[in-house]
Amino acid sequence: MAPKGSQRVVNKIVAENRKARFNYEIIDTYEAGLVLTGTEVKSLREGKANIAESYATDEGGEMWLINSYLPEYLQANRFNHEPRRRRKLLLSKREAHRLQSAINRDGMTLIPLKIYFNDQGRAKLELALGKGKKLHDKRESEKERDWNRQKSRIMKDHH
């Protein structure tokens, strides 16, 4: 018989926001818990979630994930969840206060980077504090990425 925790995949990434690092200059990252219903967890385990257009905000001292998409769990029939509902984020008071002040004072944005299951099997959200890049910054990032790609091709052909 296998040990108790061996069947679980540690830190399995369920949804990832790949454009976030291109569109935003990321300053700091945080790990937040998510308040989910049972059908949302089952839907997440199927791995069809999308957080590409979502963002986090604070309302009344609480942090919320807005516009994230968790598809309905097909076997749940009438007990299903709303796919685009607002989901509460679980952060320590100190972290929540720090994020709220950065959003309000410095004009920063909270961007969800990825949703994953930690080694206890709990759904977690990696949240980034960032500033939006200007068009010239994006062009610079693209040039750098293309140059690195060319460099690796040249090095590969050279050896």
Protein backbone atom coordinates (compact mmCIF):
# COMPACT_ATOMS: atom_id res chain seq x y z
CA MET A 1 0.00 0.00 0.00
CA ALA A 2 1.29 3.46 -0.90
CA PRO A 3 1.96 6.08 1.78
CA LYS A 4 -0.97 8.34 2.58
CA GLY A 5 0.04 11.55 0.73
CA SER A 6 1.76 9.96 -2.26
CA GLN A 7 -1.20 10.12 -4.68
CA ARG A 8 -1.41 13.91 -4.49
CA VAL A 9 0.47 16.10 -6.95
CA VAL A 10 2.23 18.82 -4.98
CA ASN A 11 1.55 22.43 -6.13
CA LYS A 12 -0.47 21.44 -9.19
CA ILE A 13 -1.09 24.60 -11.21
CA VAL A 14 -4.73 24.77 -12.26
CA ALA A 15 -4.92 28.17 -13.98
CA GLU A 16 -2.21 30.61 -14.97
CA ASN A 17 -2.30 34.21 -16.17
CA ARG A 18 0.56 34.15 -18.68
CA LYS A 19 0.04 37.68 -20.01
CA ALA A 20 0.38 39.26 -16.57
CA ARG A 21 4.17 39.46 -16.61
CA PHE A 22 4.07 41.05 -20.06
CA ASN A 23 1.38 43.64 -19.26
CA TYR A 24 2.49 44.52 -15.72
CA GLU A 25 5.73 45.26 -13.92
CA ILE A 26 5.47 42.92 -10.92
CA ILE A 27 6.74 44.35 -7.66
CA ASP A 28 5.74 41.77 -5.05
CA THR A 29 3.82 38.47 -4.84
CA TYR A 30 1.51 37.11 -2.15
CA GLU A 31 -0.23 33.80 -1.52
CA ALA A 32 -3.92 34.02 -0.72
CA GLY A 33 -6.53 31.40 0.09
CA LEU A 34 -9.84 31.28 -1.77
CA VAL A 35 -13.33 30.87 -0.31
CA LEU A 36 -14.87 28.23 -2.61
CA THR A 37 -17.95 26.04 -2.69
CA GLY A 38 -17.68 22.27 -3.15
CA THR A 39 -18.57 22.31 -6.85
CA GLU A 40 -15.98 25.04 -7.46
CA VAL A 41 -13.24 22.87 -5.96
CA LYS A 42 -14.29 19.91 -8.10
CA SER A 43 -14.35 22.14 -11.18
CA LEU A 44 -10.87 23.44 -10.32
CA ARG A 45 -9.54 19.89 -10.02
CA GLU A 46 -10.67 19.31 -13.62
CA GLY A 47 -8.35 22.18 -14.56
CA LYS A 48 -10.48 24.30 -16.87
CA ALA A 49 -10.39 27.56 -14.90
CA ASN A 50 -9.42 30.90 -16.45
CA ILE A 51 -8.01 33.94 -14.63
CA ALA A 52 -6.70 35.85 -17.66
CA GLU A 53 -9.11 38.82 -17.39
CA SER A 54 -9.52 38.76 -13.63
CA TYR A 55 -8.25 41.16 -10.97
CA ALA A 56 -8.44 41.59 -7.21
CA THR A 57 -9.85 44.55 -5.32
CA ASP A 58 -10.69 45.55 -1.76
CA GLU A 59 -14.20 46.40 -0.67
CA GLY A 60 -15.08 47.14 2.91
CA GLY A 61 -11.76 45.91 4.25
CA GLU A 62 -12.02 42.54 2.46
CA MET A 63 -10.18 41.40 -0.66
CA TRP A 64 -12.17 39.95 -3.58
CA LEU A 65 -11.24 38.14 -6.79
CA ILE A 66 -13.39 39.50 -9.60
CA ASN A 67 -14.12 38.15 -13.09
CA SER A 68 -12.39 34.79 -12.65
CA TYR A 69 -14.00 31.94 -14.56
CA LEU A 70 -14.55 28.51 -12.98
CA PRO A 71 -16.80 26.46 -15.27
CA GLU A 72 -19.80 24.66 -13.79
CA TYR A 73 -19.17 21.13 -12.52
CA LEU A 74 -21.24 18.98 -14.87
CA GLN A 75 -22.20 16.26 -12.36
CA ALA A 76 -23.58 18.75 -9.82
CA ASN A 77 -26.89 19.57 -11.63
CA ARG A 78 -28.96 22.09 -9.60
CA PHE A 79 -26.44 22.57 -6.77
CA ASN A 80 -23.94 24.20 -9.10
CA HIS A 81 -22.14 27.53 -8.69
CA GLU A 82 -22.16 30.73 -10.75
CA PRO A 83 -19.09 30.53 -13.07
CA ARG A 84 -18.09 34.22 -12.82
CA ARG A 85 -19.08 34.98 -9.22
CA ARG A 86 -16.92 37.13 -6.96
CA ARG A 87 -14.72 35.05 -4.67
CA LYS A 88 -13.40 36.19 -1.31
CA LEU A 89 -9.62 36.05 -0.79
CA LEU A 90 -8.13 34.98 2.52
CA LEU A 91 -5.14 37.08 3.59
CA SER A 92 -3.69 38.01 6.96
CA LYS A 93 -4.82 41.43 8.23
CA ARG A 94 -1.32 42.84 7.83
CA GLU A 95 -1.02 41.68 4.21
CA ALA A 96 -4.53 42.90 3.36
CA HIS A 97 -3.80 46.33 4.87
CA ARG A 98 -0.47 46.58 3.01
CA LEU A 99 -2.15 45.70 -0.30
CA GLN A 100 -5.05 48.12 0.28
CA SER A 101 -2.69 51.01 0.97
CA ALA A 102 -0.57 50.20 -2.11
CA ILE A 103 -3.68 50.13 -4.30
CA ASN A 104 -5.16 53.35 -2.91
CA ARG A 105 -1.99 55.40 -2.40
CA ASP A 106 0.38 54.27 -5.16
CA GLY A 107 -2.17 53.41 -7.85
CA MET A 108 -1.01 49.82 -8.18
CA THR A 109 -3.04 46.82 -9.35
CA LEU A 110 -3.58 43.37 -7.87
CA ILE A 111 -3.11 40.75 -10.58
CA PRO A 112 -3.81 37.04 -10.07
CA LEU A 113 -0.86 35.06 -11.47
CA LYS A 114 -1.95 31.47 -10.88
CA ILE A 115 -4.31 29.19 -8.98
CA TYR A 116 -2.83 25.98 -7.63
CA PHE A 117 -3.35 23.30 -4.99
CA ASN A 118 -0.76 23.32 -2.19
CA ASP A 119 0.58 20.16 -0.52
CA GLN A 120 -2.40 20.08 1.89
CA GLY A 121 -4.74 20.03 -1.11
CA ARG A 122 -6.04 23.55 -0.54
CA ALA A 123 -6.67 25.90 -3.47
CA LYS A 124 -4.35 28.92 -3.33
CA LEU A 125 -4.05 32.03 -5.48
CA GLU A 126 -0.69 33.65 -6.22
CA LEU A 127 -1.42 37.36 -6.27
CA ALA A 128 0.98 40.00 -7.59
CA LEU A 129 1.19 43.68 -6.79
CA GLY A 130 2.15 45.50 -9.96
CA LYS A 131 2.10 48.61 -12.11
CA GLY A 132 0.81 48.59 -15.67
CA LYS A 133 3.53 48.80 -18.32
CA LYS A 134 3.43 51.54 -20.92
CA LEU A 135 3.55 50.66 -24.61
CA HIS A 136 7.28 51.39 -24.93
CA ASP A 137 8.00 49.11 -21.93
CA LYS A 138 6.08 46.31 -23.63
CA ARG A 139 8.07 46.83 -26.83
CA GLU A 140 11.28 46.69 -24.82
CA SER A 141 10.20 43.39 -23.20
CA GLU A 142 9.38 41.97 -26.62
CA LYS A 143 12.76 43.03 -28.06
CA GLU A 144 14.55 41.44 -25.12
CA ARG A 145 12.59 38.20 -25.48
CA ASP A 146 13.30 38.04 -29.23
CA TRP A 147 17.01 38.71 -28.67
CA ASN A 148 17.22 35.94 -26.06
CA ARG A 149 15.49 33.58 -28.47
CA GLN A 150 17.97 34.47 -31.25
CA LYS A 151 20.91 34.09 -28.87
CA SER A 152 19.83 30.58 -27.90
CA ARG A 153 19.41 29.64 -31.58
CA ILE A 154 22.90 30.94 -32.42
CA MET A 155 24.43 29.11 -29.46
CA LYS A 156 22.65 25.88 -30.43
CA ASP A 157 23.81 26.12 -34.06
CA HIS A 158 27.33 27.01 -33.03
CA HIS A 159 27.86 23.88 -30.89
